[in-house]
Amino acid sequence: MAHLMTVQLLLLVMWMAECAQSRATRARTELLNVCMDAKHHKEKPGPEDNLHDQCSPWKTNSCCSTNTSQEAHKDISYLYRFNWNHCGTMTSECKRHFIQDTCLYECSPNLGPWIQQVDQSWRKERILDVPLCKEDCQQWWEDCQSSFTCKSNWHKGWNW
């Protein structure tokens, strides 16, 4: 009996290791229809009928939940404890671009080519060097030129 339980336990451990390994290597082999291994992402993309506002384009196949999409639209969200108005009031036109960026990051299942492995406590993957269309970049600048940030690096040092 003890031998049978040992074998079962060994098989369970091997299966768990295989699952962890396949999750770790999947970003290198799958480029589309994949979710990042990050804080608020679902494990696999799927339908989310009630995605909020700017996140709704991903409702048929999404890596984010309805709750995440709602939080992405708040001025102060539980997602990353980030305050859009950290250096004065951000205009609504400007904020729209940052919310769209957040929705893309949280919801898109097609970011595989830009997924990078990271060693952080709150995520194992991130996206880097995602291309931005010239027209989108120009519009973002136009809409945000009167808004301000008090940070030189948005990736670290936020001590709210």
Foldseek 3Di string as FASTA:
>chain_A
DVVVVVVVVVVVVVVVVVVVVCLVCVLVPDQFQAAFQFQFFARGWAAACQQDDLLVVLRGTWRHHNVQSVQLPDQQGPPPRDHPCPPHDFDPQLSVLSSNVSSCFHIHRRQSVQWDADDDPGGGIGGPDDDDDPVSVVSNCVRGVVPDDPDPDPPDDDDD
